[in-house]
Amino acid sequence: MTDVNKNYENKLIQGISRRQLLKSGLITAVSGIIPVRTLAAVDNFLYDERALCIYNLHTEEYLDVVYWKNGKYITDALKKLDHIFRDHYNGSVKSIDTGLLDYLYAIQQKLQCREPFNLISGYRSSATNNRLRKKNSRVARRSLHIKGQAADIRIPGCTIREVRNAAFELKGGGVGYYPRSNFVHVDVGTIRFWRS
């Protein structure tokens, strides 16, 4: 386990109270039957804050941040998330849809994972997306990555099948399963599922 992962695990262990543990169990149970868009409303009553831990595989940057607290998104935290989700090919930054952040948070809660999300691709500029399309026909012309509404992820300690299943059960948007490339695509577009 890396120092980054140990630090993240220690923070999780230190920060979990009995009350939070009970809330976590309730949200996990509820998440199995309620779509993630509804879950966000339920979540407001169950948690005082939402946090994400992201490790960008291309830039090797790490971010552990509370992005929502006391019923509000935290502007400075959102800017940090926008930065780590940036187009790693050209450095361009776009606001990441808070629905996507909440979807990732819901996946994290459902899996009860302690490891940071490994981000393979977040925001993509139109130029980057077009260049990738020329190399790979599977890249969508109107990719939601361009809108800051999609992420390609994996989580150490969880199989990509487990990540896919959690995202699928939450029904928060699109879920693409890429076992040969070892990642799961999640987005906050229409609910749909595919395998490549």
C-alpha atoms as a PDB file:
ATOM      1  CA  MET A   1       0.000   0.000   0.000  1.00  0.00           C
ATOM      2  CA  THR A   2       1.398   3.410  -0.952  1.00  0.00           C
ATOM      3  CA  ASP A   3       1.859   6.259   1.519  1.00  0.00           C
ATOM      4  CA  VAL A   4      -0.947   8.126  -0.261  1.00  0.00           C
ATOM      5  CA  ASN A   5      -3.323   5.201   0.227  1.00  0.00           C
ATOM      6  CA  LYS A   6      -2.250   4.714   3.862  1.00  0.00           C
ATOM      7  CA  ASN A   7      -2.869   8.397   4.542  1.00  0.00           C
ATOM      8  CA  TYR A   8      -6.304   8.202   2.946  1.00  0.00           C
ATOM      9  CA  GLU A   9      -7.188   5.039   4.900  1.00  0.00           C
ATOM     10  CA  ASN A  10      -6.032   6.597   8.178  1.00  0.00           C
ATOM     11  CA  LYS A  11      -8.178   9.654   7.511  1.00  0.00           C
ATOM     12  CA  LEU A  12     -11.176   7.432   6.808  1.00  0.00           C
ATOM     13  CA  ILE A  13     -10.666   5.343   9.946  1.00  0.00           C
ATOM     14  CA  GLN A  14     -10.138   8.411  12.132  1.00  0.00           C
ATOM     15  CA  GLY A  15     -13.162  10.164  10.675  1.00  0.00           C
ATOM     16  CA  ILE A  16     -15.720   7.377  11.066  1.00  0.00           C
ATOM     17  CA  SER A  17     -17.928   7.629  14.118  1.00  0.00           C
ATOM     18  CA  ARG A  18     -20.647   5.168  15.128  1.00  0.00           C
ATOM     19  CA  ARG A  19     -23.243   7.602  13.801  1.00  0.00           C
ATOM     20  CA  GLN A  20     -21.449   7.888  10.440  1.00  0.00           C
ATOM     21  CA  LEU A  21     -21.120   4.119  10.260  1.00  0.00           C
ATOM     22  CA  LEU A  22     -24.875   3.704  10.777  1.00  0.00           C
ATOM     23  CA  LYS A  23     -25.563   6.380   8.172  1.00  0.00           C
ATOM     24  CA  SER A  24     -23.182   4.640   5.798  1.00  0.00           C
ATOM     25  CA  GLY A  25     -25.028   1.345   6.210  1.00  0.00           C
ATOM     26  CA  LEU A  26     -28.362   3.056   5.620  1.00  0.00           C
ATOM     27  CA  ILE A  27     -27.157   4.878   2.507  1.00  0.00           C
ATOM     28  CA  THR A  28     -25.687   1.646   1.157  1.00  0.00           C
ATOM     29  CA  ALA A  29     -28.991  -0.153   1.666  1.00  0.00           C
ATOM     30  CA  VAL A  30     -30.997   2.707   0.155  1.00  0.00           C
ATOM     31  CA  SER A  31     -28.616   3.059  -2.804  1.00  0.00           C
ATOM     32  CA  GLY A  32     -29.524  -0.438  -3.953  1.00  0.00           C
ATOM     33  CA  ILE A  33     -33.134   0.559  -4.589  1.00  0.00           C
ATOM     34  CA  ILE A  34     -33.095   4.305  -5.311  1.00  0.00           C
ATOM     35  CA  PRO A  35     -31.534   5.848  -8.462  1.00  0.00           C
ATOM     36  CA  VAL A  36     -28.525   8.078  -7.764  1.00  0.00           C
ATOM     37  CA  ARG A  37     -30.371  11.270  -8.760  1.00  0.00           C
ATOM     38  CA  THR A  38     -32.892  10.611  -6.005  1.00  0.00           C
ATOM     39  CA  LEU A  39     -30.100   9.418  -3.748  1.00  0.00           C
ATOM     40  CA  ALA A  40     -28.528  12.888  -3.852  1.00  0.00           C
ATOM     41  CA  ALA A  41     -31.659  14.303  -2.202  1.00  0.00           C
ATOM     42  CA  VAL A  42     -31.728  11.534   0.432  1.00  0.00           C
ATOM     43  CA  ASP A  43     -28.006  11.979   0.990  1.00  0.00           C
ATOM     44  CA  ASN A  44     -28.531  15.587   2.104  1.00  0.00           C
ATOM     45  CA  PHE A  45     -30.236  14.274   5.230  1.00  0.00           C
ATOM     46  CA  LEU A  46     -27.754  11.519   5.987  1.00  0.00           C
ATOM     47  CA  TYR A  47     -24.331  13.101   5.600  1.00  0.00           C
ATOM     48  CA  ASP A  48     -22.930  16.398   6.776  1.00  0.00           C
ATOM     49  CA  GLU A  49     -20.303  16.367   4.050  1.00  0.00           C
ATOM     50  CA  ARG A  50     -19.189  14.654   0.849  1.00  0.00           C
ATOM     51  CA  ALA A  51     -15.558  14.062  -0.031  1.00  0.00           C
ATOM     52  CA  LEU A  52     -13.674  12.548  -2.941  1.00  0.00           C
ATOM     53  CA  CYS A  53     -10.180  11.190  -3.148  1.00  0.00           C
ATOM     54  CA  ILE A  54      -8.764  11.248  -6.701  1.00  0.00           C
ATOM     55  CA  TYR A  55      -5.432  10.117  -8.098  1.00  0.00           C
ATOM     56  CA  ASN A  56      -4.815  11.229 -11.692  1.00  0.00           C
ATOM     57  CA  LEU A  57      -2.827   8.458 -13.385  1.00  0.00           C
ATOM     58  CA  HIS A  58      -1.449  10.749 -16.109  1.00  0.00           C
ATOM     59  CA  THR A  59      -0.334  13.723 -14.013  1.00  0.00           C
ATOM     60  CA  GLU A  60       0.353  11.708 -10.840  1.00  0.00           C
ATOM     61  CA  GLU A  61      -1.552  14.295  -8.814  1.00  0.00           C
ATOM     62  CA  TYR A  62      -3.486  13.345  -5.704  1.00  0.00           C
ATOM     63  CA  LEU A  63      -6.443  15.196  -4.216  1.00  0.00           C
ATOM     64  CA  ASP A  64      -8.459  14.390  -1.103  1.00  0.00           C
ATOM     65  CA  VAL A  65     -11.108  17.059  -0.666  1.00  0.00           C
ATOM     66  CA  VAL A  66     -14.470  17.735   0.961  1.00  0.00           C
ATOM     67  CA  TYR A  67     -16.473  19.298  -1.867  1.00  0.00           C
ATOM     68  CA  TRP A  68     -19.916  19.560  -0.240  1.00  0.00           C
ATOM     69  CA  LYS A  69     -20.730  20.538   3.329  1.00  0.00           C
ATOM     70  CA  ASN A  70     -23.796  21.733   5.219  1.00  0.00           C
ATOM     71  CA  GLY A  71     -25.976  21.484   2.132  1.00  0.00           C
ATOM     72  CA  LYS A  72     -23.656  23.480  -0.155  1.00  0.00           C
ATOM     73  CA  TYR A  73     -20.945  22.824  -2.708  1.00  0.00           C
ATOM     74  CA  ILE A  74     -17.597  24.344  -1.721  1.00  0.00           C
ATOM     75  CA  THR A  75     -16.317  26.605  -4.512  1.00  0.00           C
ATOM     76  CA  ASP A  76     -12.587  26.228  -3.751  1.00  0.00           C
ATOM     77  CA  ALA A  77     -12.904  22.433  -3.595  1.00  0.00           C
ATOM     78  CA  LEU A  78     -14.780  22.362  -6.915  1.00  0.00           C
ATOM     79  CA  LYS A  79     -11.961  24.370  -8.522  1.00  0.00           C
ATOM     80  CA  LYS A  80      -9.423  21.836  -7.241  1.00  0.00           C
ATOM     81  CA  LEU A  81     -11.522  19.000  -8.671  1.00  0.00           C
ATOM     82  CA  ASP A  82     -11.831  20.856 -12.000  1.00  0.00           C
ATOM     83  CA  HIS A  83      -8.037  21.087 -12.079  1.00  0.00           C
ATOM     84  CA  ILE A  84      -7.340  17.415 -11.369  1.00  0.00           C
ATOM     85  CA  PHE A  85     -10.003  16.393 -13.934  1.00  0.00           C
ATOM     86  CA  ARG A  86      -8.441  18.668 -16.590  1.00  0.00           C
ATOM     87  CA  ASP A  87      -7.495  17.551 -20.121  1.00  0.00           C
ATOM     88  CA  HIS A  88      -4.054  16.078 -19.462  1.00  0.00           C
ATOM     89  CA  TYR A  89      -3.103  16.412 -23.141  1.00  0.00           C
ATOM     90  CA  ASN A  90      -3.283  20.206 -23.286  1.00  0.00           C
ATOM     91  CA  GLY A  91      -3.993  21.376 -19.717  1.00  0.00           C
ATOM     92  CA  SER A  92      -7.388  22.918 -20.458  1.00  0.00           C
ATOM     93  CA  VAL A  93      -9.800  23.049 -17.539  1.00  0.00           C
ATOM     94  CA  LYS A  94     -13.602  22.958 -17.479  1.00  0.00           C
ATOM     95  CA  SER A  95     -16.090  22.933 -14.626  1.00  0.00           C
ATOM     96  CA  ILE A  96     -16.929  19.353 -13.766  1.00  0.00           C
ATOM     97  CA  ASP A  97     -20.636  18.674 -13.416  1.00  0.00           C
ATOM     98  CA  THR A  98     -21.503  18.342  -9.721  1.00  0.00           C
ATOM     99  CA  GLY A  99     -23.845  15.503 -10.690  1.00  0.00           C
ATOM    100  CA  LEU A 100     -20.790  13.523 -11.820  1.00  0.00           C
ATOM    101  CA  LEU A 101     -19.011  14.249  -8.537  1.00  0.00           C
ATOM    102  CA  ASP A 102     -22.086  13.087  -6.622  1.00  0.00           C
ATOM    103  CA  TYR A 103     -22.277   9.956  -8.798  1.00  0.00           C
ATOM    104  CA  LEU A 104     -18.647   9.132  -7.969  1.00  0.00           C
ATOM    105  CA  TYR A 105     -19.356   9.796  -4.306  1.00  0.00           C
ATOM    106  CA  ALA A 106     -22.367   7.436  -4.431  1.00  0.00           C
ATOM    107  CA  ILE A 107     -20.223   4.730  -6.083  1.00  0.00           C
ATOM    108  CA  GLN A 108     -17.626   5.180  -3.339  1.00  0.00           C
ATOM    109  CA  GLN A 109     -20.303   4.850  -0.643  1.00  0.00           C
ATOM    110  CA  LYS A 110     -21.878   1.807  -2.275  1.00  0.00           C
ATOM    111  CA  LEU A 111     -18.542   0.004  -2.547  1.00  0.00           C
ATOM    112  CA  GLN A 112     -17.336   1.239   0.860  1.00  0.00           C
ATOM    113  CA  CYS A 113     -13.964   1.686  -0.819  1.00  0.00           C
ATOM    114  CA  ARG A 114     -10.961   3.084   1.014  1.00  0.00           C
ATOM    115  CA  GLU A 115      -8.743   3.633  -2.009  1.00  0.00           C
ATOM    116  CA  PRO A 116      -8.698   6.783  -4.173  1.00  0.00           C
ATOM    117  CA  PHE A 117     -10.407   6.769  -7.547  1.00  0.00           C
ATOM    118  CA  ASN A 118      -7.784   6.311 -10.253  1.00  0.00           C
ATOM    119  CA  LEU A 119      -8.762   8.856 -12.897  1.00  0.00           C
ATOM    120  CA  ILE A 120      -7.845   7.841 -16.417  1.00  0.00           C
ATOM    121  CA  SER A 121      -9.841  10.486 -18.255  1.00  0.00           C
ATOM    122  CA  GLY A 122     -11.987  13.337 -16.996  1.00  0.00           C
ATOM    123  CA  TYR A 123     -12.561  16.471 -19.036  1.00  0.00           C
ATOM    124  CA  ARG A 124     -11.480  16.377 -22.688  1.00  0.00           C
ATOM    125  CA  SER A 125     -11.340  19.407 -24.949  1.00  0.00           C
ATOM    126  CA  SER A 126     -13.023  19.091 -28.350  1.00  0.00           C
ATOM    127  CA  ALA A 127      -9.591  19.107 -29.999  1.00  0.00           C
ATOM    128  CA  THR A 128      -8.385  16.224 -27.822  1.00  0.00           C
ATOM    129  CA  ASN A 129     -11.591  14.279 -28.363  1.00  0.00           C
ATOM    130  CA  ASN A 130     -11.319  14.691 -32.156  1.00  0.00           C
ATOM    131  CA  ARG A 131      -7.696  13.558 -32.119  1.00  0.00           C
ATOM    132  CA  LEU A 132      -8.611  10.480 -30.049  1.00  0.00           C
ATOM    133  CA  ARG A 133     -11.505   9.689 -32.403  1.00  0.00           C
ATOM    134  CA  LYS A 134      -9.088   9.503 -35.331  1.00  0.00           C
ATOM    135  CA  LYS A 135      -7.093   6.851 -33.469  1.00  0.00           C
ATOM    136  CA  ASN A 136     -10.009   4.952 -31.953  1.00  0.00           C
ATOM    137  CA  SER A 137     -13.496   4.644 -33.453  1.00  0.00           C
ATOM    138  CA  ARG A 138     -14.953   3.853 -30.013  1.00  0.00           C
ATOM    139  CA  VAL A 139     -14.457   7.473 -28.903  1.00  0.00           C
ATOM    140  CA  ALA A 140     -17.849   9.202 -29.213  1.00  0.00           C
ATOM    141  CA  ARG A 141     -18.161  12.291 -31.407  1.00  0.00           C
ATOM    142  CA  ARG A 142     -20.321  14.006 -28.775  1.00  0.00           C
ATOM    143  CA  SER A 143     -18.561  12.553 -25.758  1.00  0.00           C
ATOM    144  CA  LEU A 144     -19.789  13.754 -22.388  1.00  0.00           C
ATOM    145  CA  HIS A 145     -16.119  14.116 -21.424  1.00  0.00           C
ATOM    146  CA  ILE A 146     -16.243  17.351 -23.502  1.00  0.00           C
ATOM    147  CA  LYS A 147     -18.966  18.708 -21.195  1.00  0.00           C
ATOM    148  CA  GLY A 148     -17.225  17.698 -17.967  1.00  0.00           C
ATOM    149  CA  GLN A 149     -19.916  15.090 -17.373  1.00  0.00           C
ATOM    150  CA  ALA A 150     -17.915  11.847 -17.681  1.00  0.00           C
ATOM    151  CA  ALA A 151     -14.976  10.053 -16.126  1.00  0.00           C
ATOM    152  CA  ASP A 152     -13.045   6.884 -16.900  1.00  0.00           C
ATOM    153  CA  ILE A 153     -12.051   5.312 -13.599  1.00  0.00           C
ATOM    154  CA  ARG A 154     -10.865   2.310 -11.662  1.00  0.00           C
ATOM    155  CA  ILE A 155     -10.400   1.770  -7.929  1.00  0.00           C
ATOM    156  CA  PRO A 156      -7.495  -0.189  -6.439  1.00  0.00           C
ATOM    157  CA  GLY A 157      -8.847  -2.972  -4.265  1.00  0.00           C
ATOM    158  CA  CYS A 158     -12.049  -3.282  -6.293  1.00  0.00           C
ATOM    159  CA  THR A 159     -12.398  -5.135  -9.548  1.00  0.00           C
ATOM    160  CA  ILE A 160     -13.680  -3.139 -12.475  1.00  0.00           C
ATOM    161  CA  ARG A 161     -16.628  -5.549 -12.503  1.00  0.00           C
ATOM    162  CA  GLU A 162     -17.464  -4.419  -8.937  1.00  0.00           C
ATOM    163  CA  VAL A 163     -17.146  -0.767  -9.950  1.00  0.00           C
ATOM    164  CA  ARG A 164     -19.331  -1.377 -13.012  1.00  0.00           C
ATOM    165  CA  ASN A 165     -21.953  -3.205 -10.956  1.00  0.00           C
ATOM    166  CA  ALA A 166     -22.107  -0.425  -8.359  1.00  0.00           C
ATOM    167  CA  ALA A 167     -22.478   2.253 -11.042  1.00  0.00           C
ATOM    168  CA  PHE A 168     -25.047   0.116 -12.883  1.00  0.00           C
ATOM    169  CA  GLU A 169     -27.161  -0.410  -9.754  1.00  0.00           C
ATOM    170  CA  LEU A 170     -27.147   3.316  -8.927  1.00  0.00           C
ATOM    171  CA  LYS A 171     -28.551   4.183 -12.374  1.00  0.00           C
ATOM    172  CA  GLY A 172     -26.995   7.643 -12.337  1.00  0.00           C
ATOM    173  CA  GLY A 173     -26.285   7.798 -16.076  1.00  0.00           C
ATOM    174  CA  GLY A 174     -24.182   5.967 -18.622  1.00  0.00           C
ATOM    175  CA  VAL A 175     -21.927   3.087 -17.625  1.00  0.00           C
ATOM    176  CA  GLY A 176     -19.370   1.658 -20.032  1.00  0.00           C
ATOM    177  CA  TYR A 177     -17.459  -1.491 -19.138  1.00  0.00           C
ATOM    178  CA  TYR A 178     -13.992  -1.856 -20.694  1.00  0.00           C
ATOM    179  CA  PRO A 179     -12.441  -5.037 -19.226  1.00  0.00           C
ATOM    180  CA  ARG A 180      -9.608  -5.247 -21.780  1.00  0.00           C
ATOM    181  CA  SER A 181      -8.547  -1.682 -21.031  1.00  0.00           C
ATOM    182  CA  ASN A 182      -9.223  -2.108 -17.290  1.00  0.00           C
ATOM    183  CA  PHE A 183     -11.553   0.824 -16.645  1.00  0.00           C
ATOM    184  CA  VAL A 184     -15.183   1.817 -16.233  1.00  0.00           C
ATOM    185  CA  HIS A 185     -16.707   4.863 -17.903  1.00  0.00           C
ATOM    186  CA  VAL A 186     -19.376   6.706 -15.907  1.00  0.00           C
ATOM    187  CA  ASP A 187     -21.330   9.749 -16.995  1.00  0.00           C
ATOM    188  CA  VAL A 188     -24.420  11.714 -16.026  1.00  0.00           C
ATOM    189  CA  GLY A 189     -26.118  11.484 -19.399  1.00  0.00           C
ATOM    190  CA  THR A 190     -29.075   9.247 -20.124  1.00  0.00           C
ATOM    191  CA  ILE A 191     -29.137   5.911 -18.338  1.00  0.00           C
ATOM    192  CA  ARG A 192     -27.542   3.338 -20.634  1.00  0.00           C
ATOM    193  CA  PHE A 193     -25.052   0.492 -20.387  1.00  0.00           C
ATOM    194  CA  TRP A 194     -22.497  -0.957 -22.785  1.00  0.00           C
ATOM    195  CA  ARG A 195     -19.476  -3.217 -22.894  1.00  0.00           C
ATOM    196  CA  SER A 196     -16.450  -2.914 -25.136  1.00  0.00           C
END
